[in-house]
Amino acid sequence: MKKGKSTFLAGDLIAVFGAEKGQKNQKAENVSFCRVVAVGEKDLMVEDNASSTYSSRKPFYIVPKEICIKLKIDADVVVNSRYLEPKLGDLVLSYIKEVFKKEDPIELTGILYKIVYKFGKPVTATVIHDNEMKEVPFSSLMVLQRN
């Protein structure tokens, strides 16, 4: 994004970037989603969307415009968009990461061979991966290529 191209207004939803600086490198990978409260010449006063407080005062932050990106999308696009639901024969990726475990995520790609439905919804799937049948949660699947 080029400097000076975004015009911010009170009420805008924005991403505010944070960074990490170490002895050998630095990276800007931390992001907070905020709502603009007020617009200054070079800064924005923002309210963190994620933070909740039991205090009567919600914290506000003053941040440079340079570290902010305005987020905007047409509501019709959001309402009418659907993910590509996997079908038998599709090339799929299964990605599973346990929330409370420090183990690496389990990733496998293969051909969707079978779908098991329960209460009218897909629950598990069998994927052919390296000539073996692997059972995975259906919700872990993303279509890489439609058959």
C-alpha atoms as a PDB file:
ATOM      1  CA  MET A   1       0.000   0.000   0.000  1.00  0.00           C
ATOM      2  CA  LYS A   2       1.375   3.411  -0.930  1.00  0.00           C
ATOM      3  CA  LYS A   3       1.695   6.134   1.675  1.00  0.00           C
ATOM      4  CA  GLY A   4      -1.038   8.748   1.725  1.00  0.00           C
ATOM      5  CA  LYS A   5      -3.491   6.693  -0.362  1.00  0.00           C
ATOM      6  CA  SER A   6      -5.914   5.730   2.441  1.00  0.00           C
ATOM      7  CA  THR A   7      -8.361   8.247   3.800  1.00  0.00           C
ATOM      8  CA  PHE A   8      -9.416   7.215   7.272  1.00  0.00           C
ATOM      9  CA  LEU A   9     -12.751   8.167   8.835  1.00  0.00           C
ATOM     10  CA  ALA A  10     -14.161   7.687  12.320  1.00  0.00           C
ATOM     11  CA  GLY A  11     -15.888   4.303  12.461  1.00  0.00           C
ATOM     12  CA  ASP A  12     -13.579   2.627   9.903  1.00  0.00           C
ATOM     13  CA  LEU A  13     -12.449  -0.921  10.604  1.00  0.00           C
ATOM     14  CA  ILE A  14      -8.659  -1.126  10.317  1.00  0.00           C
ATOM     15  CA  ALA A  15      -5.730  -3.479  10.846  1.00  0.00           C
ATOM     16  CA  VAL A  16      -2.961  -2.034  13.031  1.00  0.00           C
ATOM     17  CA  PHE A  17       0.391  -3.759  12.643  1.00  0.00           C
ATOM     18  CA  GLY A  18       2.793  -4.474  15.491  1.00  0.00           C
ATOM     19  CA  ALA A  19       6.349  -5.707  15.149  1.00  0.00           C
ATOM     20  CA  GLU A  20       9.023  -7.717  16.861  1.00  0.00           C
ATOM     21  CA  LYS A  21      12.683  -6.703  16.823  1.00  0.00           C
ATOM     22  CA  GLY A  22      15.456  -9.070  17.859  1.00  0.00           C
ATOM     23  CA  GLN A  23      19.241  -9.157  17.703  1.00  0.00           C
ATOM     24  CA  LYS A  24      19.293 -10.695  14.225  1.00  0.00           C
ATOM     25  CA  ASN A  25      16.028  -9.712  12.567  1.00  0.00           C
ATOM     26  CA  GLN A  26      12.732  -7.922  12.803  1.00  0.00           C
ATOM     27  CA  LYS A  27       9.263  -8.790  11.551  1.00  0.00           C
ATOM     28  CA  ALA A  28       5.869  -7.107  11.418  1.00  0.00           C
ATOM     29  CA  GLU A  29       3.505 -10.037  11.904  1.00  0.00           C
ATOM     30  CA  ASN A  30       1.326  -8.946  14.824  1.00  0.00           C
ATOM     31  CA  VAL A  31      -2.034  -7.483  13.808  1.00  0.00           C
ATOM     32  CA  SER A  32      -4.820  -5.937  15.882  1.00  0.00           C
ATOM     33  CA  PHE A  33      -8.250  -5.211  14.453  1.00  0.00           C
ATOM     34  CA  CYS A  34      -9.457  -1.816  15.579  1.00  0.00           C
ATOM     35  CA  ARG A  35     -12.178   0.751  15.040  1.00  0.00           C
ATOM     36  CA  VAL A  36     -11.146   4.352  14.300  1.00  0.00           C
ATOM     37  CA  VAL A  37     -12.436   6.769  16.953  1.00  0.00           C
ATOM     38  CA  ALA A  38     -10.809   9.980  15.701  1.00  0.00           C
ATOM     39  CA  VAL A  39      -8.517  11.067  12.850  1.00  0.00           C
ATOM     40  CA  GLY A  40      -5.520  13.354  13.330  1.00  0.00           C
ATOM     41  CA  GLU A  41      -3.010  14.762  10.872  1.00  0.00           C
ATOM     42  CA  LYS A  42      -0.626  11.786  11.045  1.00  0.00           C
ATOM     43  CA  ASP A  43      -2.216   9.604  13.724  1.00  0.00           C
ATOM     44  CA  LEU A  44      -5.413   7.742  14.493  1.00  0.00           C
ATOM     45  CA  MET A  45      -7.132   7.239  17.833  1.00  0.00           C
ATOM     46  CA  VAL A  46      -8.374   3.651  17.820  1.00  0.00           C
ATOM     47  CA  GLU A  47     -10.306   1.213  19.957  1.00  0.00           C
ATOM     48  CA  ASP A  48      -9.156  -2.418  19.938  1.00  0.00           C
ATOM     49  CA  ASN A  49     -12.046  -4.571  18.687  1.00  0.00           C
ATOM     50  CA  ALA A  50     -10.755  -7.709  20.395  1.00  0.00           C
ATOM     51  CA  SER A  51     -10.174  -6.363  23.881  1.00  0.00           C
ATOM     52  CA  SER A  52     -12.956  -6.579  26.402  1.00  0.00           C
ATOM     53  CA  THR A  53     -12.824  -4.978  29.763  1.00  0.00           C
ATOM     54  CA  TYR A  54     -14.962  -5.051  32.863  1.00  0.00           C
ATOM     55  CA  SER A  55     -13.910  -1.500  33.628  1.00  0.00           C
ATOM     56  CA  SER A  56     -16.196   1.420  32.854  1.00  0.00           C
ATOM     57  CA  ARG A  57     -13.444   2.790  30.564  1.00  0.00           C
ATOM     58  CA  LYS A  58     -12.330   1.054  27.418  1.00  0.00           C
ATOM     59  CA  PRO A  59      -8.702   1.765  26.434  1.00  0.00           C
ATOM     60  CA  PHE A  60      -7.979   3.842  23.349  1.00  0.00           C
ATOM     61  CA  TYR A  61      -4.648   3.990  21.531  1.00  0.00           C
ATOM     62  CA  ILE A  62      -3.007   6.640  19.376  1.00  0.00           C
ATOM     63  CA  VAL A  63      -1.222   5.011  16.442  1.00  0.00           C
ATOM     64  CA  PRO A  64       0.589   6.310  13.336  1.00  0.00           C
ATOM     65  CA  LYS A  65      -1.440   6.077  10.120  1.00  0.00           C
ATOM     66  CA  GLU A  66       1.599   4.470   8.453  1.00  0.00           C
ATOM     67  CA  ILE A  67       1.090   1.208  10.367  1.00  0.00           C
ATOM     68  CA  CYS A  68      -2.638   0.979   9.568  1.00  0.00           C
ATOM     69  CA  ILE A  69      -4.554  -0.582   6.704  1.00  0.00           C
ATOM     70  CA  LYS A  70      -8.216   0.177   6.116  1.00  0.00           C
ATOM     71  CA  LEU A  71     -10.401  -2.932   5.858  1.00  0.00           C
ATOM     72  CA  LYS A  72     -13.463  -2.737   3.668  1.00  0.00           C
ATOM     73  CA  ILE A  73     -15.561  -5.240   1.774  1.00  0.00           C
ATOM     74  CA  ASP A  74     -19.002  -5.066   0.245  1.00  0.00           C
ATOM     75  CA  ALA A  75     -21.495  -6.800   2.551  1.00  0.00           C
ATOM     76  CA  ASP A  76     -23.170  -8.481  -0.469  1.00  0.00           C
ATOM     77  CA  VAL A  77     -19.893 -10.269  -1.230  1.00  0.00           C
ATOM     78  CA  VAL A  78     -19.731 -11.611   2.338  1.00  0.00           C
ATOM     79  CA  VAL A  79     -23.396 -12.643   2.415  1.00  0.00           C
ATOM     80  CA  ASN A  80     -23.320 -14.369  -0.972  1.00  0.00           C
ATOM     81  CA  SER A  81     -19.889 -16.051  -0.835  1.00  0.00           C
ATOM     82  CA  ARG A  82     -19.510 -19.734  -0.021  1.00  0.00           C
ATOM     83  CA  TYR A  83     -16.424 -21.895   0.323  1.00  0.00           C
ATOM     84  CA  LEU A  84     -15.887 -24.624  -2.253  1.00  0.00           C
ATOM     85  CA  GLU A  85     -17.287 -27.728  -0.573  1.00  0.00           C
ATOM     86  CA  PRO A  86     -15.236 -30.854  -1.279  1.00  0.00           C
ATOM     87  CA  LYS A  87     -16.791 -33.532  -3.497  1.00  0.00           C
ATOM     88  CA  LEU A  88     -15.774 -37.115  -4.183  1.00  0.00           C
ATOM     89  CA  GLY A  89     -12.768 -37.301  -6.494  1.00  0.00           C
ATOM     90  CA  ASP A  90     -11.438 -33.823  -5.613  1.00  0.00           C
ATOM     91  CA  LEU A  91      -7.792 -33.263  -4.759  1.00  0.00           C
ATOM     92  CA  VAL A  92      -7.963 -31.998  -1.166  1.00  0.00           C
ATOM     93  CA  LEU A  93      -5.754 -30.795   1.658  1.00  0.00           C
ATOM     94  CA  SER A  94      -6.520 -31.862   5.228  1.00  0.00           C
ATOM     95  CA  TYR A  95      -5.043 -29.593   7.899  1.00  0.00           C
ATOM     96  CA  ILE A  96      -5.430 -30.515  11.567  1.00  0.00           C
ATOM     97  CA  LYS A  97      -3.847 -28.675  14.476  1.00  0.00           C
ATOM     98  CA  GLU A  98      -4.621 -29.598  18.051  1.00  0.00           C
ATOM     99  CA  VAL A  99      -5.320 -26.475  20.106  1.00  0.00           C
ATOM    100  CA  PHE A 100      -3.743 -27.589  23.373  1.00  0.00           C
ATOM    101  CA  LYS A 101      -0.801 -29.534  21.936  1.00  0.00           C
ATOM    102  CA  LYS A 102       2.541 -28.169  20.809  1.00  0.00           C
ATOM    103  CA  GLU A 103       2.882 -30.730  18.043  1.00  0.00           C
ATOM    104  CA  ASP A 104       3.156 -29.633  14.427  1.00  0.00           C
ATOM    105  CA  PRO A 105      -0.084 -29.610  12.444  1.00  0.00           C
ATOM    106  CA  ILE A 106      -0.996 -32.741  10.503  1.00  0.00           C
ATOM    107  CA  GLU A 107      -1.177 -31.989   6.776  1.00  0.00           C
ATOM    108  CA  LEU A 108      -2.011 -34.464   4.077  1.00  0.00           C
ATOM    109  CA  THR A 109      -3.101 -34.172   0.482  1.00  0.00           C
ATOM    110  CA  GLY A 110      -4.964 -36.737  -1.514  1.00  0.00           C
ATOM    111  CA  ILE A 111      -8.093 -37.689  -3.389  1.00  0.00           C
ATOM    112  CA  LEU A 112     -11.405 -37.542  -1.520  1.00  0.00           C
ATOM    113  CA  TYR A 113     -12.688 -41.126  -1.572  1.00  0.00           C
ATOM    114  CA  LYS A 114     -15.569 -41.239   0.916  1.00  0.00           C
ATOM    115  CA  ILE A 115     -17.740 -38.828   2.974  1.00  0.00           C
ATOM    116  CA  VAL A 116     -19.613 -39.918   6.119  1.00  0.00           C
ATOM    117  CA  TYR A 117     -22.761 -37.943   6.963  1.00  0.00           C
ATOM    118  CA  LYS A 118     -24.379 -37.656  10.375  1.00  0.00           C
ATOM    119  CA  PHE A 119     -27.586 -35.739  11.079  1.00  0.00           C
ATOM    120  CA  GLY A 120     -27.568 -34.548   7.478  1.00  0.00           C
ATOM    121  CA  LYS A 121     -24.086 -33.036   7.575  1.00  0.00           C
ATOM    122  CA  PRO A 122     -20.676 -34.304   6.453  1.00  0.00           C
ATOM    123  CA  VAL A 123     -18.655 -35.338   9.513  1.00  0.00           C
ATOM    124  CA  THR A 124     -15.668 -37.406   8.411  1.00  0.00           C
ATOM    125  CA  ALA A 125     -13.955 -38.158   5.141  1.00  0.00           C
ATOM    126  CA  THR A 126     -11.620 -40.773   3.776  1.00  0.00           C
ATOM    127  CA  VAL A 127      -8.752 -39.511   1.657  1.00  0.00           C
ATOM    128  CA  ILE A 128      -6.434 -41.615  -0.496  1.00  0.00           C
ATOM    129  CA  HIS A 129      -2.952 -40.462   0.530  1.00  0.00           C
ATOM    130  CA  ASP A 130       0.206 -42.300  -0.588  1.00  0.00           C
ATOM    131  CA  ASN A 131      -1.892 -45.354  -1.569  1.00  0.00           C
ATOM    132  CA  GLU A 132      -3.399 -45.516   1.940  1.00  0.00           C
ATOM    133  CA  MET A 133      -6.869 -44.652   3.207  1.00  0.00           C
ATOM    134  CA  LYS A 134      -6.775 -41.904   5.856  1.00  0.00           C
ATOM    135  CA  GLU A 135      -9.835 -40.815   7.826  1.00  0.00           C
ATOM    136  CA  VAL A 136      -9.995 -37.099   8.637  1.00  0.00           C
ATOM    137  CA  PRO A 137     -12.608 -34.625   9.876  1.00  0.00           C
ATOM    138  CA  PHE A 138     -14.565 -33.273   6.903  1.00  0.00           C
ATOM    139  CA  SER A 139     -14.185 -29.747   8.316  1.00  0.00           C
ATOM    140  CA  SER A 140     -10.402 -30.032   7.883  1.00  0.00           C
ATOM    141  CA  LEU A 141     -10.664 -30.291   4.084  1.00  0.00           C
ATOM    142  CA  MET A 142      -9.977 -27.647   1.463  1.00  0.00           C
ATOM    143  CA  VAL A 143     -10.298 -28.252  -2.266  1.00  0.00           C
ATOM    144  CA  LEU A 144      -6.969 -27.880  -4.052  1.00  0.00           C
ATOM    145  CA  GLN A 145      -8.364 -28.955  -7.426  1.00  0.00           C
ATOM    146  CA  ARG A 146     -11.899 -29.855  -8.440  1.00  0.00           C
ATOM    147  CA  ASN A 147     -12.263 -33.238 -10.143  1.00  0.00           C
END
